[in-house]
């Protein structure tokens, strides 16, 4: 069973088995890290019963990134990286492995965001974060323009061939 906390909008894999690409997802309301991170930290603290000690995020994906976030009894350090997936955030937790969350962009339509929250917490072994956010359709091109494989048959499915117009 997937856990979905309503505020902030976050889902976590209840097993946190570290086998998947991500351990869950977070759908912030804005790109303002200073405004969004306190609620995320508080929710994860409550959910895991352990303290978040550090947050790592991609620099270009966020606005207003503080160096520290106040939390009960501590200051949570915020670090950033210049490369890597802008849709991932890493939370270092006291006494356990880091938790990696998929960040669903703030402007994502509700239905798509809810689907991504559920998918990210349901087990993501071998699934790219981009595919959780934008699942490739069967027989369609991926967001990067590469072709996707069909589920059945194992051949590359491209666009329908262009047929020459016939004269009547």
C-alpha atoms as a PDB file:
ATOM      1  CA  UNK A   1       0.000   0.000   0.000  1.00  0.00           C
ATOM      2  CA  UNK A   2       1.309   3.418  -0.976  1.00  0.00           C
ATOM      3  CA  UNK A   3       1.317   6.180   1.585  1.00  0.00           C
ATOM      4  CA  UNK A   4       0.061   9.540   0.321  1.00  0.00           C
ATOM      5  CA  UNK A   5       0.275  12.451   2.704  1.00  0.00           C
ATOM      6  CA  UNK A   6      -2.000  15.334   1.766  1.00  0.00           C
ATOM      7  CA  UNK A   7       0.021  18.361   2.912  1.00  0.00           C
ATOM      8  CA  UNK A   8       2.628  18.647   1.634  1.00  0.00           C
ATOM      9  CA  UNK A   9       1.771  16.536  -1.362  1.00  0.00           C
ATOM     10  CA  UNK A  10       4.147  13.621  -0.920  1.00  0.00           C
ATOM     11  CA  UNK A  11       4.125   9.863  -1.374  1.00  0.00           C
ATOM     12  CA  UNK A  12       6.621   7.345  -0.016  1.00  0.00           C
ATOM     13  CA  UNK A  13       7.208   3.701  -0.763  1.00  0.00           C
ATOM     14  CA  UNK A  14       6.274   2.091   2.568  1.00  0.00           C
ATOM     15  CA  UNK A  15       9.135  -0.414   2.235  1.00  0.00           C
ATOM     16  CA  UNK A  16      11.847   2.142   1.459  1.00  0.00           C
ATOM     17  CA  UNK A  17      13.825  -0.839   0.179  1.00  0.00           C
ATOM     18  CA  UNK A  18      16.231   1.298  -1.889  1.00  0.00           C
ATOM     19  CA  UNK A  19      15.778  -0.963  -4.913  1.00  0.00           C
ATOM     20  CA  UNK A  20      13.837   1.531  -7.013  1.00  0.00           C
ATOM     21  CA  UNK A  21      14.991   4.594  -8.889  1.00  0.00           C
ATOM     22  CA  UNK A  22      13.173   6.767  -6.338  1.00  0.00           C
ATOM     23  CA  UNK A  23      11.686   6.174  -2.892  1.00  0.00           C
ATOM     24  CA  UNK A  24       8.619   8.298  -3.538  1.00  0.00           C
ATOM     25  CA  UNK A  25       7.602  11.677  -4.900  1.00  0.00           C
ATOM     26  CA  UNK A  26       6.886  15.228  -3.821  1.00  0.00           C
ATOM     27  CA  UNK A  27       4.650  17.763  -5.560  1.00  0.00           C
ATOM     28  CA  UNK A  28       5.548  21.235  -4.234  1.00  0.00           C
ATOM     29  CA  UNK A  29       3.256  24.195  -4.801  1.00  0.00           C
ATOM     30  CA  UNK A  30       6.059  26.473  -6.074  1.00  0.00           C
ATOM     31  CA  UNK A  31       9.753  26.462  -7.056  1.00  0.00           C
ATOM     32  CA  UNK A  32      10.600  28.503  -3.934  1.00  0.00           C
ATOM     33  CA  UNK A  33      12.826  26.167  -1.901  1.00  0.00           C
ATOM     34  CA  UNK A  34      12.745  28.352   1.217  1.00  0.00           C
ATOM     35  CA  UNK A  35       8.948  28.260   1.263  1.00  0.00           C
ATOM     36  CA  UNK A  36       8.500  24.583   0.328  1.00  0.00           C
ATOM     37  CA  UNK A  37      11.263  22.691   2.154  1.00  0.00           C
ATOM     38  CA  UNK A  38      10.108  23.237   5.781  1.00  0.00           C
ATOM     39  CA  UNK A  39       6.824  21.373   5.202  1.00  0.00           C
ATOM     40  CA  UNK A  40       8.574  18.588   3.289  1.00  0.00           C
ATOM     41  CA  UNK A  41      11.130  18.123   6.076  1.00  0.00           C
ATOM     42  CA  UNK A  42       8.405  18.090   8.723  1.00  0.00           C
ATOM     43  CA  UNK A  43       6.302  15.528   6.821  1.00  0.00           C
ATOM     44  CA  UNK A  44       9.261  13.193   6.239  1.00  0.00           C
ATOM     45  CA  UNK A  45      10.347  13.524   9.886  1.00  0.00           C
ATOM     46  CA  UNK A  46       6.843  12.460  10.994  1.00  0.00           C
ATOM     47  CA  UNK A  47       6.526   9.675   8.430  1.00  0.00           C
ATOM     48  CA  UNK A  48       9.891   8.046   9.172  1.00  0.00           C
ATOM     49  CA  UNK A  49      10.112   8.921  12.854  1.00  0.00           C
ATOM     50  CA  UNK A  50      13.646  10.157  12.174  1.00  0.00           C
ATOM     51  CA  UNK A  51      15.177  13.552  11.515  1.00  0.00           C
ATOM     52  CA  UNK A  52      16.062  14.873   8.083  1.00  0.00           C
ATOM     53  CA  UNK A  53      19.602  16.228   8.444  1.00  0.00           C
ATOM     54  CA  UNK A  54      20.406  17.475   4.948  1.00  0.00           C
ATOM     55  CA  UNK A  55      18.631  18.175   1.677  1.00  0.00           C
ATOM     56  CA  UNK A  56      20.300  18.019  -1.733  1.00  0.00           C
ATOM     57  CA  UNK A  57      18.649  19.542  -4.782  1.00  0.00           C
ATOM     58  CA  UNK A  58      19.497  20.632  -8.302  1.00  0.00           C
ATOM     59  CA  UNK A  59      20.442  24.321  -8.361  1.00  0.00           C
ATOM     60  CA  UNK A  60      18.708  25.420 -11.571  1.00  0.00           C
ATOM     61  CA  UNK A  61      15.432  23.706 -10.668  1.00  0.00           C
ATOM     62  CA  UNK A  62      14.757  25.923  -7.629  1.00  0.00           C
ATOM     63  CA  UNK A  63      14.420  29.575  -6.682  1.00  0.00           C
ATOM     64  CA  UNK A  64      15.354  31.108  -3.312  1.00  0.00           C
ATOM     65  CA  UNK A  65      17.537  28.265  -2.005  1.00  0.00           C
ATOM     66  CA  UNK A  66      18.536  28.802   1.636  1.00  0.00           C
ATOM     67  CA  UNK A  67      21.690  27.361   3.214  1.00  0.00           C
ATOM     68  CA  UNK A  68      19.729  26.012   6.179  1.00  0.00           C
ATOM     69  CA  UNK A  69      16.109  25.297   7.077  1.00  0.00           C
ATOM     70  CA  UNK A  70      15.016  25.564  10.723  1.00  0.00           C
ATOM     71  CA  UNK A  71      13.455  22.356  12.061  1.00  0.00           C
ATOM     72  CA  UNK A  72      12.559  21.333  15.628  1.00  0.00           C
ATOM     73  CA  UNK A  73      15.810  21.044  17.583  1.00  0.00           C
ATOM     74  CA  UNK A  74      18.110  21.515  14.607  1.00  0.00           C
ATOM     75  CA  UNK A  75      19.040  23.321  11.429  1.00  0.00           C
ATOM     76  CA  UNK A  76      18.745  21.219   8.264  1.00  0.00           C
ATOM     77  CA  UNK A  77      21.547  21.941   5.818  1.00  0.00           C
ATOM     78  CA  UNK A  78      20.610  22.497   2.186  1.00  0.00           C
ATOM     79  CA  UNK A  79      23.122  21.604  -0.491  1.00  0.00           C
ATOM     80  CA  UNK A  80      22.806  21.750  -4.236  1.00  0.00           C
ATOM     81  CA  UNK A  81      24.363  20.281  -7.322  1.00  0.00           C
ATOM     82  CA  UNK A  82      24.754  21.862 -10.732  1.00  0.00           C
ATOM     83  CA  UNK A  83      24.342  18.705 -12.779  1.00  0.00           C
ATOM     84  CA  UNK A  84      22.063  15.737 -12.528  1.00  0.00           C
ATOM     85  CA  UNK A  85      18.338  15.288 -12.761  1.00  0.00           C
ATOM     86  CA  UNK A  86      16.455  18.477 -11.800  1.00  0.00           C
ATOM     87  CA  UNK A  87      13.466  16.311 -10.872  1.00  0.00           C
ATOM     88  CA  UNK A  88      15.220  14.595  -7.964  1.00  0.00           C
ATOM     89  CA  UNK A  89      15.768  15.669  -4.376  1.00  0.00           C
ATOM     90  CA  UNK A  90      17.818  13.703  -1.843  1.00  0.00           C
ATOM     91  CA  UNK A  91      17.098  13.744   1.876  1.00  0.00           C
ATOM     92  CA  UNK A  92      19.804  12.517   4.252  1.00  0.00           C
ATOM     93  CA  UNK A  93      18.065  10.972   7.244  1.00  0.00           C
ATOM     94  CA  UNK A  94      19.496  10.261  10.712  1.00  0.00           C
ATOM     95  CA  UNK A  95      20.346   6.574  11.124  1.00  0.00           C
ATOM     96  CA  UNK A  96      19.313   5.361   7.680  1.00  0.00           C
ATOM     97  CA  UNK A  97      20.090   5.538   3.992  1.00  0.00           C
ATOM     98  CA  UNK A  98      19.247   8.711   2.039  1.00  0.00           C
ATOM     99  CA  UNK A  99      15.747   8.997   0.596  1.00  0.00           C
ATOM    100  CA  UNK A 100      15.456  10.061  -3.046  1.00  0.00           C
ATOM    101  CA  UNK A 101      12.229  11.716  -4.104  1.00  0.00           C
ATOM    102  CA  UNK A 102      10.960  12.549  -7.555  1.00  0.00           C
ATOM    103  CA  UNK A 103       9.993  16.221  -7.666  1.00  0.00           C
ATOM    104  CA  UNK A 104       6.817  16.725  -9.672  1.00  0.00           C
ATOM    105  CA  UNK A 105       6.955  20.230 -11.166  1.00  0.00           C
ATOM    106  CA  UNK A 106       4.649  22.689  -9.407  1.00  0.00           C
ATOM    107  CA  UNK A 107       2.565  23.456 -12.499  1.00  0.00           C
ATOM    108  CA  UNK A 108       1.770  19.823 -13.304  1.00  0.00           C
ATOM    109  CA  UNK A 109      -1.960  19.197 -13.839  1.00  0.00           C
ATOM    110  CA  UNK A 110      -3.633  17.503 -10.867  1.00  0.00           C
ATOM    111  CA  UNK A 111      -4.400  14.172 -12.563  1.00  0.00           C
ATOM    112  CA  UNK A 112      -0.880  13.748 -13.915  1.00  0.00           C
ATOM    113  CA  UNK A 113       0.657  14.699 -10.567  1.00  0.00           C
ATOM    114  CA  UNK A 114      -1.497  12.248  -8.612  1.00  0.00           C
ATOM    115  CA  UNK A 115      -0.577   9.477 -11.061  1.00  0.00           C
ATOM    116  CA  UNK A 116       3.126  10.301 -10.696  1.00  0.00           C
ATOM    117  CA  UNK A 117       2.839  10.378  -6.878  1.00  0.00           C
ATOM    118  CA  UNK A 118       1.318   6.900  -6.920  1.00  0.00           C
ATOM    119  CA  UNK A 119       3.751   5.492  -9.484  1.00  0.00           C
ATOM    120  CA  UNK A 120       6.827   6.796  -7.672  1.00  0.00           C
ATOM    121  CA  UNK A 121       5.811   5.121  -4.419  1.00  0.00           C
ATOM    122  CA  UNK A 122       4.697   1.846  -5.991  1.00  0.00           C
ATOM    123  CA  UNK A 123       8.140   0.562  -6.946  1.00  0.00           C
ATOM    124  CA  UNK A 124      10.371   1.998  -9.623  1.00  0.00           C
ATOM    125  CA  UNK A 125      13.020  -0.628 -10.334  1.00  0.00           C
ATOM    126  CA  UNK A 126      14.436   0.159 -13.781  1.00  0.00           C
ATOM    127  CA  UNK A 127      12.108   3.113 -14.389  1.00  0.00           C
ATOM    128  CA  UNK A 128      13.611   6.498 -15.245  1.00  0.00           C
ATOM    129  CA  UNK A 129      12.290   9.529 -13.345  1.00  0.00           C
ATOM    130  CA  UNK A 130      11.267  11.122 -16.658  1.00  0.00           C
ATOM    131  CA  UNK A 131       9.099   8.078 -17.424  1.00  0.00           C
ATOM    132  CA  UNK A 132       7.268   8.466 -14.115  1.00  0.00           C
ATOM    133  CA  UNK A 133       6.526  12.101 -14.934  1.00  0.00           C
ATOM    134  CA  UNK A 134       5.713  11.466 -18.593  1.00  0.00           C
ATOM    135  CA  UNK A 135       4.984   7.791 -19.217  1.00  0.00           C
ATOM    136  CA  UNK A 136       5.808   6.959 -22.824  1.00  0.00           C
ATOM    137  CA  UNK A 137       2.731   5.911 -24.765  1.00  0.00           C
ATOM    138  CA  UNK A 138       2.742   2.612 -26.564  1.00  0.00           C
ATOM    139  CA  UNK A 139       4.138   3.146 -30.043  1.00  0.00           C
ATOM    140  CA  UNK A 140       4.910   6.818 -29.487  1.00  0.00           C
ATOM    141  CA  UNK A 141       8.054   8.854 -29.378  1.00  0.00           C
ATOM    142  CA  UNK A 142       9.612   9.578 -26.012  1.00  0.00           C
ATOM    143  CA  UNK A 143      10.108  13.189 -24.869  1.00  0.00           C
ATOM    144  CA  UNK A 144      13.672  13.141 -26.188  1.00  0.00           C
ATOM    145  CA  UNK A 145      12.471  12.058 -29.632  1.00  0.00           C
ATOM    146  CA  UNK A 146      13.661   8.455 -29.335  1.00  0.00           C
ATOM    147  CA  UNK A 147      11.306   5.708 -30.316  1.00  0.00           C
ATOM    148  CA  UNK A 148       9.624   3.537 -27.712  1.00  0.00           C
ATOM    149  CA  UNK A 149       9.204  -0.223 -27.871  1.00  0.00           C
ATOM    150  CA  UNK A 150       5.773  -1.780 -27.929  1.00  0.00           C
ATOM    151  CA  UNK A 151       4.858  -3.941 -24.962  1.00  0.00           C
ATOM    152  CA  UNK A 152       4.133  -6.899 -27.222  1.00  0.00           C
ATOM    153  CA  UNK A 153       6.187  -8.016 -30.166  1.00  0.00           C
ATOM    154  CA  UNK A 154       9.449  -6.313 -29.237  1.00  0.00           C
ATOM    155  CA  UNK A 155       9.833  -4.205 -32.356  1.00  0.00           C
ATOM    156  CA  UNK A 156      10.362  -0.480 -32.569  1.00  0.00           C
ATOM    157  CA  UNK A 157       7.113   1.336 -33.111  1.00  0.00           C
ATOM    158  CA  UNK A 158       7.468   4.538 -35.038  1.00  0.00           C
ATOM    159  CA  UNK A 159       4.960   6.925 -36.498  1.00  0.00           C
ATOM    160  CA  UNK A 160       2.584   5.635 -39.124  1.00  0.00           C
ATOM    161  CA  UNK A 161       4.179   5.674 -42.566  1.00  0.00           C
ATOM    162  CA  UNK A 162       3.183   8.545 -44.804  1.00  0.00           C
ATOM    163  CA  UNK A 163       1.115   7.239 -47.671  1.00  0.00           C
ATOM    164  CA  UNK A 164       1.167   9.109 -50.960  1.00  0.00           C
ATOM    165  CA  UNK A 165      -2.086  10.811 -51.870  1.00  0.00           C
ATOM    166  CA  UNK A 166      -4.020   9.044 -54.571  1.00  0.00           C
ATOM    167  CA  UNK A 167      -5.834  10.882 -57.272  1.00  0.00           C
ATOM    168  CA  UNK A 168      -9.488  10.089 -57.772  1.00  0.00           C
END
